Amino acid sequence: MSVAASVLGYAGLGFLTRCYALGLQKRNIFENLGGHAMLMTAFGGLGYYIHGLEGRQLELIAHKKEQILKNRERVAGSSSNNDDEE
């Protein structure tokens, strides 16, 4: 997923959240557009952070996978050397 899609998706969620909250209060949803803008900005920032977090997690998982494969090769190599000596 691209950064723009993530930010816009979360900003849209912020807009819907604000509209829902105003609807529960039975207030006009177009009453204070600044509140909509603030909530959309906050949720968009959250979407940007989550997008970066996902990328960092994928890099960490790939690094750990490489380490595990190297350890498996090392253990398999050492166990085959022990089998040859016996």
PDB file of N, CA and C in Angstrom:
ATOM      1  N   MET A   1       0.844  -1.163   0.000  1.00  0.00           N
ATOM      2  CA  MET A   1       0.000   0.000   0.000  1.00  0.00           C
ATOM      3  C   MET A   1       0.902   1.243   0.000  1.00  0.00           C
ATOM      4  N   SER A   2       0.529   2.235  -0.764  1.00  0.00           N
ATOM      5  CA  SER A   2       1.356   3.434  -0.851  1.00  0.00           C
ATOM      6  C   SER A   2       1.107   4.349   0.345  1.00  0.00           C
ATOM      7  N   VAL A   3       2.017   5.297   0.503  1.00  0.00           N
ATOM      8  CA  VAL A   3       1.900   6.241   1.613  1.00  0.00           C
ATOM      9  C   VAL A   3       0.638   7.082   1.458  1.00  0.00           C
ATOM     10  N   ALA A   4       0.392   7.552   0.240  1.00  0.00           N
ATOM     11  CA  ALA A   4      -0.776   8.410   0.010  1.00  0.00           C
ATOM     12  C   ALA A   4      -2.077   7.676   0.342  1.00  0.00           C
ATOM     13  N   ALA A   5      -2.169   6.426  -0.069  1.00  0.00           N
ATOM     14  CA  ALA A   5      -3.385   5.658   0.212  1.00  0.00           C
ATOM     15  C   ALA A   5      -3.567   5.458   1.713  1.00  0.00           C
ATOM     16  N   SER A   6      -2.472   5.207   2.407  1.00  0.00           N
ATOM     17  CA  SER A   6      -2.553   5.016   3.848  1.00  0.00           C
ATOM     18  C   SER A   6      -2.977   6.303   4.554  1.00  0.00           C
ATOM     19  N   VAL A   7      -2.359   7.429   4.182  1.00  0.00           N
ATOM     20  CA  VAL A   7      -2.685   8.704   4.815  1.00  0.00           C
ATOM     21  C   VAL A   7      -4.119   9.116   4.492  1.00  0.00           C
ATOM     22  N   LEU A   8      -4.512   9.008   3.230  1.00  0.00           N
ATOM     23  CA  LEU A   8      -5.869   9.408   2.844  1.00  0.00           C
ATOM     24  C   LEU A   8      -6.924   8.488   3.463  1.00  0.00           C
ATOM     25  N   GLY A   9      -6.622   7.211   3.563  1.00  0.00           N
ATOM     26  CA  GLY A   9      -7.565   6.276   4.178  1.00  0.00           C
ATOM     27  C   GLY A   9      -7.807   6.604   5.640  1.00  0.00           C
ATOM     28  N   TYR A  10      -6.734   6.872   6.374  1.00  0.00           N
ATOM     29  CA  TYR A  10      -6.895   7.215   7.781  1.00  0.00           C
ATOM     30  C   TYR A  10      -7.530   8.594   7.951  1.00  0.00           C
ATOM     31  N   ALA A  11      -7.219   9.539   7.043  1.00  0.00           N
ATOM     32  CA  ALA A  11      -7.850  10.859   7.105  1.00  0.00           C
ATOM     33  C   ALA A  11      -9.355  10.726   6.865  1.00  0.00           C
ATOM     34  N   GLY A  12      -9.746   9.878   5.926  1.00  0.00           N
ATOM     35  CA  GLY A  12     -11.170   9.623   5.686  1.00  0.00           C
ATOM     36  C   GLY A  12     -11.831   9.008   6.901  1.00  0.00           C
ATOM     37  N   LEU A  13     -11.116   8.110   7.567  1.00  0.00           N
ATOM     38  CA  LEU A  13     -11.645   7.526   8.796  1.00  0.00           C
ATOM     39  C   LEU A  13     -11.832   8.594   9.865  1.00  0.00           C
ATOM     40  N   GLY A  14     -10.904   9.544   9.947  1.00  0.00           N
ATOM     41  CA  GLY A  14     -11.035  10.644  10.898  1.00  0.00           C
ATOM     42  C   GLY A  14     -12.249  11.498  10.599  1.00  0.00           C
ATOM     43  N   PHE A  15     -12.485  11.768   9.315  1.00  0.00           N
ATOM     44  CA  PHE A  15     -13.656  12.554   8.906  1.00  0.00           C
ATOM     45  C   PHE A  15     -14.944  11.831   9.293  1.00  0.00           C
ATOM     46  N   LEU A  16     -15.001  10.544   9.006  1.00  0.00           N
ATOM     47  CA  LEU A  16     -16.200   9.775   9.352  1.00  0.00           C
ATOM     48  C   LEU A  16     -16.406   9.694  10.861  1.00  0.00           C
ATOM     49  N   THR A  17     -15.318   9.592  11.596  1.00  0.00           N
ATOM     50  CA  THR A  17     -15.415   9.559  13.053  1.00  0.00           C
ATOM     51  C   THR A  17     -16.007  10.851  13.595  1.00  0.00           C
ATOM     52  N   ARG A  18     -15.527  11.972  13.039  1.00  0.00           N
ATOM     53  CA  ARG A  18     -16.037  13.285  13.464  1.00  0.00           C
ATOM     54  C   ARG A  18     -17.529  13.422  13.119  1.00  0.00           C
ATOM     55  N   CYS A  19     -17.891  13.020  11.912  1.00  0.00           N
ATOM     56  CA  CYS A  19     -19.304  13.105  11.510  1.00  0.00           C
ATOM     57  C   CYS A  19     -20.188  12.216  12.389  1.00  0.00           C
ATOM     58  N   TYR A  20     -19.699  11.032  12.711  1.00  0.00           N
ATOM     59  CA  TYR A  20     -20.455  10.120  13.565  1.00  0.00           C
ATOM     60  C   TYR A  20     -20.643  10.706  14.962  1.00  0.00           C
ATOM     61  N   ALA A  21     -19.565  11.297  15.499  1.00  0.00           N
ATOM     62  CA  ALA A  21     -19.651  11.886  16.833  1.00  0.00           C
ATOM     63  C   ALA A  21     -20.642  13.043  16.850  1.00  0.00           C
ATOM     64  N   LEU A  22     -20.603  13.882  15.824  1.00  0.00           N
ATOM     65  CA  LEU A  22     -21.553  15.000  15.765  1.00  0.00           C
ATOM     66  C   LEU A  22     -22.982  14.495  15.553  1.00  0.00           C
ATOM     67  N   GLY A  23     -23.124  13.409  14.806  1.00  0.00           N
ATOM     68  CA  GLY A  23     -24.447  12.821  14.592  1.00  0.00           C
ATOM     69  C   GLY A  23     -25.029  12.275  15.874  1.00  0.00           C
ATOM     70  N   LEU A  24     -24.177  11.655  16.706  1.00  0.00           N
ATOM     71  CA  LEU A  24     -24.656  11.158  17.995  1.00  0.00           C
ATOM     72  C   LEU A  24     -25.115  12.288  18.895  1.00  0.00           C
ATOM     73  N   GLN A  25     -24.457  13.435  18.779  1.00  0.00           N
ATOM     74  CA  GLN A  25     -24.821  14.590  19.586  1.00  0.00           C
ATOM     75  C   GLN A  25     -25.977  15.385  18.970  1.00  0.00           C
ATOM     76  N   LYS A  26     -26.431  14.936  17.813  1.00  0.00           N
ATOM     77  CA  LYS A  26     -27.519  15.596  17.061  1.00  0.00           C
ATOM     78  C   LYS A  26     -27.178  17.048  16.759  1.00  0.00           C
ATOM     79  N   ARG A  27     -25.917  17.255  16.351  1.00  0.00           N
ATOM     80  CA  ARG A  27     -25.454  18.581  15.956  1.00  0.00           C
ATOM     81  C   ARG A  27     -25.235  18.596  14.448  1.00  0.00           C
ATOM     82  N   ASN A  28     -25.205  19.759  13.866  1.00  0.00           N
ATOM     83  CA  ASN A  28     -24.971  19.925  12.439  1.00  0.00           C
ATOM     84  C   ASN A  28     -23.528  19.495  12.109  1.00  0.00           C
ATOM     85  N   ILE A  29     -23.379  18.591  11.140  1.00  0.00           N
ATOM     86  CA  ILE A  29     -22.031  18.098  10.837  1.00  0.00           C
ATOM     87  C   ILE A  29     -21.188  19.128  10.100  1.00  0.00           C
ATOM     88  N   PHE A  30     -21.800  20.178   9.563  1.00  0.00           N
ATOM     89  CA  PHE A  30     -21.047  21.225   8.881  1.00  0.00           C
ATOM     90  C   PHE A  30     -20.865  22.453   9.765  1.00  0.00           C
ATOM     91  N   GLU A  31     -21.094  22.290  11.054  1.00  0.00           N
ATOM     92  CA  GLU A  31     -21.045  23.400  11.991  1.00  0.00           C
ATOM     93  C   GLU A  31     -19.630  23.951  12.174  1.00  0.00           C
ATOM     94  N   ASN A  32     -18.671  23.105  12.394  1.00  0.00           N
ATOM     95  CA  ASN A  32     -17.302  23.539  12.678  1.00  0.00           C
ATOM     96  C   ASN A  32     -16.351  22.740  11.784  1.00  0.00           C
ATOM     97  N   LEU A  33     -16.033  23.273  10.625  1.00  0.00           N
ATOM     98  CA  LEU A  33     -15.185  22.541   9.681  1.00  0.00           C
ATOM     99  C   LEU A  33     -13.735  22.459  10.156  1.00  0.00           C
ATOM    100  N   GLY A  34     -13.339  23.359  11.039  1.00  0.00           N
ATOM    101  CA  GLY A  34     -11.984  23.293  11.598  1.00  0.00           C
ATOM    102  C   GLY A  34     -11.774  22.020  12.406  1.00  0.00           C
ATOM    103  N   GLY A  35     -12.807  21.598  13.092  1.00  0.00           N
ATOM    104  CA  GLY A  35     -12.723  20.348  13.856  1.00  0.00           C
ATOM    105  C   GLY A  35     -12.525  19.152  12.945  1.00  0.00           C
ATOM    106  N   HIS A  36     -13.216  19.174  11.792  1.00  0.00           N
ATOM    107  CA  HIS A  36     -13.030  18.102  10.812  1.00  0.00           C
ATOM    108  C   HIS A  36     -11.591  18.088  10.316  1.00  0.00           C
ATOM    109  N   ALA A  37     -11.081  19.283  10.007  1.00  0.00           N
ATOM    110  CA  ALA A  37      -9.710  19.385   9.480  1.00  0.00           C
ATOM    111  C   ALA A  37      -8.685  18.909  10.505  1.00  0.00           C
ATOM    112  N   MET A  38      -8.884  19.275  11.760  1.00  0.00           N
ATOM    113  CA  MET A  38      -7.937  18.848  12.797  1.00  0.00           C
ATOM    114  C   MET A  38      -7.947  17.339  12.971  1.00  0.00           C
ATOM    115  N   LEU A  39      -9.127  16.747  12.997  1.00  0.00           N
ATOM    116  CA  LEU A  39      -9.216  15.306  13.188  1.00  0.00           C
ATOM    117  C   LEU A  39      -8.675  14.553  11.970  1.00  0.00           C
ATOM    118  N   MET A  40      -8.936  15.085  10.768  1.00  0.00           N
ATOM    119  CA  MET A  40      -8.402  14.450   9.566  1.00  0.00           C
ATOM    120  C   MET A  40      -6.878  14.528   9.551  1.00  0.00           C
ATOM    121  N   THR A  41      -6.319  15.648   9.993  1.00  0.00           N
ATOM    122  CA  THR A  41      -4.864  15.790  10.065  1.00  0.00           C
ATOM    123  C   THR A  41      -4.273  14.812  11.075  1.00  0.00           C
ATOM    124  N   ALA A  42      -4.909  14.698  12.233  1.00  0.00           N
ATOM    125  CA  ALA A  42      -4.416  13.780  13.262  1.00  0.00           C
ATOM    126  C   ALA A  42      -4.466  12.327  12.774  1.00  0.00           C
ATOM    127  N   PHE A  43      -5.572  11.938  12.177  1.00  0.00           N
ATOM    128  CA  PHE A  43      -5.698  10.568  11.686  1.00  0.00           C
ATOM    129  C   PHE A  43      -4.765  10.324  10.500  1.00  0.00           C
ATOM    130  N   GLY A  44      -4.566  11.342   9.647  1.00  0.00           N
ATOM    131  CA  GLY A  44      -3.623  11.207   8.540  1.00  0.00           C
ATOM    132  C   GLY A  44      -2.205  11.018   9.041  1.00  0.00           C
ATOM    133  N   GLY A  45      -1.829  11.743  10.091  1.00  0.00           N
ATOM    134  CA  GLY A  45      -0.514  11.560  10.709  1.00  0.00           C
ATOM    135  C   GLY A  45      -0.365  10.165  11.281  1.00  0.00           C
ATOM    136  N   LEU A  46      -1.423   9.666  11.879  1.00  0.00           N
ATOM    137  CA  LEU A  46      -1.415   8.301  12.405  1.00  0.00           C
ATOM    138  C   LEU A  46      -1.228   7.289  11.269  1.00  0.00           C
ATOM    139  N   GLY A  47      -1.902   7.531  10.144  1.00  0.00           N
ATOM    140  CA  GLY A  47      -1.750   6.641   8.990  1.00  0.00           C
ATOM    141  C   GLY A  47      -0.336   6.654   8.447  1.00  0.00           C
ATOM    142  N   TYR A  48       0.288   7.833   8.421  1.00  0.00           N
ATOM    143  CA  TYR A  48       1.679   7.950   7.966  1.00  0.00           C
ATOM    144  C   TYR A  48       2.609   7.186   8.901  1.00  0.00           C
ATOM    145  N   TYR A  49       2.389   7.313  10.208  1.00  0.00           N
ATOM    146  CA  TYR A  49       3.210   6.605  11.179  1.00  0.00           C
ATOM    147  C   TYR A  49       3.048   5.092  11.038  1.00  0.00           C
ATOM    148  N   ILE A  50       1.825   4.635  10.886  1.00  0.00           N
ATOM    149  CA  ILE A  50       1.569   3.196  10.763  1.00  0.00           C
ATOM    150  C   ILE A  50       2.188   2.648   9.483  1.00  0.00           C
ATOM    151  N   HIS A  51       2.147   3.428   8.405  1.00  0.00           N
ATOM    152  CA  HIS A  51       2.769   2.987   7.152  1.00  0.00           C
ATOM    153  C   HIS A  51       4.279   2.789   7.354  1.00  0.00           C
ATOM    154  N   GLY A  52       4.938   3.727   8.015  1.00  0.00           N
ATOM    155  CA  GLY A  52       6.367   3.598   8.302  1.00  0.00           C
ATOM    156  C   GLY A  52       6.657   2.443   9.240  1.00  0.00           C
ATOM    157  N   LEU A  53       5.783   2.263  10.211  1.00  0.00           N
ATOM    158  CA  LEU A  53       5.943   1.174  11.175  1.00  0.00           C
ATOM    159  C   LEU A  53       5.875  -0.175  10.469  1.00  0.00           C
ATOM    160  N   GLU A  54       4.963  -0.305   9.538  1.00  0.00           N
ATOM    161  CA  GLU A  54       4.824  -1.554   8.787  1.00  0.00           C
ATOM    162  C   GLU A  54       6.098  -1.850   7.997  1.00  0.00           C
ATOM    163  N   GLY A  55       6.682  -0.831   7.372  1.00  0.00           N
ATOM    164  CA  GLY A  55       7.922  -1.014   6.630  1.00  0.00           C
ATOM    165  C   GLY A  55       9.062  -1.437   7.525  1.00  0.00           C
ATOM    166  N   ARG A  56       9.170  -0.810   8.699  1.00  0.00           N
ATOM    167  CA  ARG A  56      10.236  -1.176   9.637  1.00  0.00           C
ATOM    168  C   ARG A  56      10.056  -2.606  10.138  1.00  0.00           C
ATOM    169  N   GLN A  57       8.816  -3.013  10.376  1.00  0.00           N
ATOM    170  CA  GLN A  57       8.564  -4.376  10.838  1.00  0.00           C
ATOM    171  C   GLN A  57       8.929  -5.398   9.767  1.00  0.00           C
ATOM    172  N   LEU A  58       8.617  -5.107   8.508  1.00  0.00           N
ATOM    173  CA  LEU A  58       8.962  -6.026   7.425  1.00  0.00           C
ATOM    174  C   LEU A  58      10.475  -6.174   7.277  1.00  0.00           C
ATOM    175  N   GLU A  59      11.216  -5.058   7.434  1.00  0.00           N
ATOM    176  CA  GLU A  59      12.678  -5.130   7.385  1.00  0.00           C
ATOM    177  C   GLU A  59      13.215  -5.971   8.533  1.00  0.00           C
ATOM    178  N   LEU A  60      12.671  -5.780   9.723  1.00  0.00           N
ATOM    179  CA  LEU A  60      13.112  -6.543  10.885  1.00  0.00           C
ATOM    180  C   LEU A  60      12.831  -8.031  10.708  1.00  0.00           C
ATOM    181  N   ILE A  61      11.676  -8.368  10.156  1.00  0.00           N
ATOM    182  CA  ILE A  61      11.326  -9.765   9.924  1.00  0.00           C
ATOM    183  C   ILE A  61      12.276 -10.386   8.902  1.00  0.00           C
ATOM    184  N   ALA A  62      12.605  -9.654   7.842  1.00  0.00           N
ATOM    185  CA  ALA A  62      13.531 -10.171   6.829  1.00  0.00           C
ATOM    186  C   ALA A  62      14.913 -10.393   7.435  1.00  0.00           C
ATOM    187  N   HIS A  63      15.369  -9.478   8.280  1.00  0.00           N
ATOM    188  CA  HIS A  63      16.673  -9.622   8.929  1.00  0.00           C
ATOM    189  C   HIS A  63      16.692 -10.841   9.852  1.00  0.00           C
ATOM    190  N   LYS A  64      15.640 -11.025  10.633  1.00  0.00           N
ATOM    191  CA  LYS A  64      15.561 -12.179  11.535  1.00  0.00           C
ATOM    192  C   LYS A  64      15.506 -13.487  10.742  1.00  0.00           C
ATOM    193  N   LYS A  65      14.814 -13.474   9.606  1.00  0.00           N
ATOM    194  CA  LYS A  65      14.730 -14.669   8.770  1.00  0.00           C
ATOM    195  C   LYS A  65      16.109 -15.053   8.243  1.00  0.00           C
ATOM    196  N   GLU A  66      16.903 -14.055   7.823  1.00  0.00           N
ATOM    197  CA  GLU A  66      18.264 -14.319   7.369  1.00  0.00           C
ATOM    198  C   GLU A  66      19.098 -14.927   8.492  1.00  0.00           C
ATOM    199  N   GLN A  67      18.984 -14.371   9.697  1.00  0.00           N
ATOM    200  CA  GLN A  67      19.730 -14.901  10.835  1.00  0.00           C
ATOM    201  C   GLN A  67      19.346 -16.349  11.116  1.00  0.00           C
ATOM    202  N   ILE A  68      18.062 -16.653  11.081  1.00  0.00           N
ATOM    203  CA  ILE A  68      17.608 -18.019  11.357  1.00  0.00           C
ATOM    204  C   ILE A  68      18.139 -18.983  10.307  1.00  0.00           C
ATOM    205  N   LEU A  69      18.099 -18.586   9.028  1.00  0.00           N
ATOM    206  CA  LEU A  69      18.602 -19.462   7.970  1.00  0.00           C
ATOM    207  C   LEU A  69      20.104 -19.701   8.108  1.00  0.00           C
ATOM    208  N   LYS A  70      20.862 -18.666   8.469  1.00  0.00           N
ATOM    209  CA  LYS A  70      22.307 -18.830   8.681  1.00  0.00           C
ATOM    210  C   LYS A  70      22.578 -19.770   9.851  1.00  0.00           C
ATOM    211  N   ASN A  71      21.813 -19.618  10.929  1.00  0.00           N
ATOM    212  CA  ASN A  71      21.987 -20.499  12.084  1.00  0.00           C
ATOM    213  C   ASN A  71      21.649 -21.947  11.726  1.00  0.00           C
ATOM    214  N   ARG A  72      20.603 -22.149  10.936  1.00  0.00           N
ATOM    215  CA  ARG A  72      20.246 -23.507  10.525  1.00  0.00           C
ATOM    216  C   ARG A  72      21.352 -24.132   9.676  1.00  0.00           C
ATOM    217  N   GLU A  73      21.920 -23.329   8.762  1.00  0.00           N
ATOM    218  CA  GLU A  73      23.013 -23.843   7.936  1.00  0.00           C
ATOM    219  C   GLU A  73      24.224 -24.190   8.796  1.00  0.00           C
ATOM    220  N   ARG A  74      24.536 -23.344   9.768  1.00  0.00           N
ATOM    221  CA  ARG A  74      25.680 -23.582  10.649  1.00  0.00           C
ATOM    222  C   ARG A  74      25.459 -24.840  11.484  1.00  0.00           C
ATOM    223  N   VAL A  75      24.266 -25.004  12.026  1.00  0.00           N
ATOM    224  CA  VAL A  75      23.968 -26.183  12.852  1.00  0.00           C
ATOM    225  C   VAL A  75      23.974 -27.441  11.982  1.00  0.00           C
ATOM    226  N   ALA A  76      23.425 -27.364  10.775  1.00  0.00           N
ATOM    227  CA  ALA A  76      23.413 -28.523   9.879  1.00  0.00           C
ATOM    228  C   ALA A  76      24.836 -28.885   9.465  1.00  0.00           C
ATOM    229  N   GLY A  77      25.672 -27.888   9.250  1.00  0.00           N
ATOM    230  CA  GLY A  77      27.061 -28.144   8.884  1.00  0.00           C
ATOM    231  C   GLY A  77      27.839 -28.766  10.026  1.00  0.00           C
ATOM    232  N   SER A  78      27.617 -28.290  11.238  1.00  0.00           N
ATOM    233  CA  SER A  78      28.345 -28.844  12.379  1.00  0.00           C
ATOM    234  C   SER A  78      27.852 -30.246  12.720  1.00  0.00           C
ATOM    235  N   SER A  79      26.585 -30.528  12.536  1.00  0.00           N
ATOM    236  CA  SER A  79      26.084 -31.872  12.837  1.00  0.00           C
ATOM    237  C   SER A  79      26.555 -32.871  11.784  1.00  0.00           C
ATOM    238  N   SER A  80      26.712 -32.442  10.527  1.00  0.00           N
ATOM    239  CA  SER A  80      27.229 -33.358   9.507  1.00  0.00           C
ATOM    240  C   SER A  80      28.706 -33.631   9.734  1.00  0.00           C
ATOM    241  N   ASN A  81      29.448 -32.665  10.264  1.00  0.00           N
ATOM    242  CA  ASN A  81      30.852 -32.891  10.598  1.00  0.00           C
ATOM    243  C   ASN A  81      30.978 -33.879  11.754  1.00  0.00           C
ATOM    244  N   ASN A  82      30.084 -33.811  12.732  1.00  0.00           N
ATOM    245  CA  ASN A  82      30.096 -34.742  13.854  1.00  0.00           C
ATOM    246  C   ASN A  82      29.749 -36.146  13.392  1.00  0.00           C
ATOM    247  N   ASP A  83      28.832 -36.280  12.442  1.00  0.00           N
ATOM    248  CA  ASP A  83      28.453 -37.579  11.913  1.00  0.00           C
ATOM    249  C   ASP A  83      29.623 -38.213  11.164  1.00  0.00           C
ATOM    250  N   ASP A  84      30.395 -37.411  10.440  1.00  0.00           N
ATOM    251  CA  ASP A  84      31.543 -37.919   9.694  1.00  0.00           C
ATOM    252  C   ASP A  84      32.650 -38.410  10.620  1.00  0.00           C
ATOM    253  N   GLU A  85      32.833 -37.789  11.781  1.00  0.00           N
ATOM    254  CA  GLU A  85      33.889 -38.157  12.718  1.00  0.00           C
ATOM    255  C   GLU A  85      33.578 -39.462  13.420  1.00  0.00           C
ATOM    256  N   GLU A  86      32.324 -39.802  13.598  1.00  0.00           N
ATOM    257  CA  GLU A  86      31.966 -41.023  14.325  1.00  0.00           C
ATOM    258  C   GLU A  86      32.061 -42.165  13.425  1.00  0.00           C
TER     259      GLU A  86
END
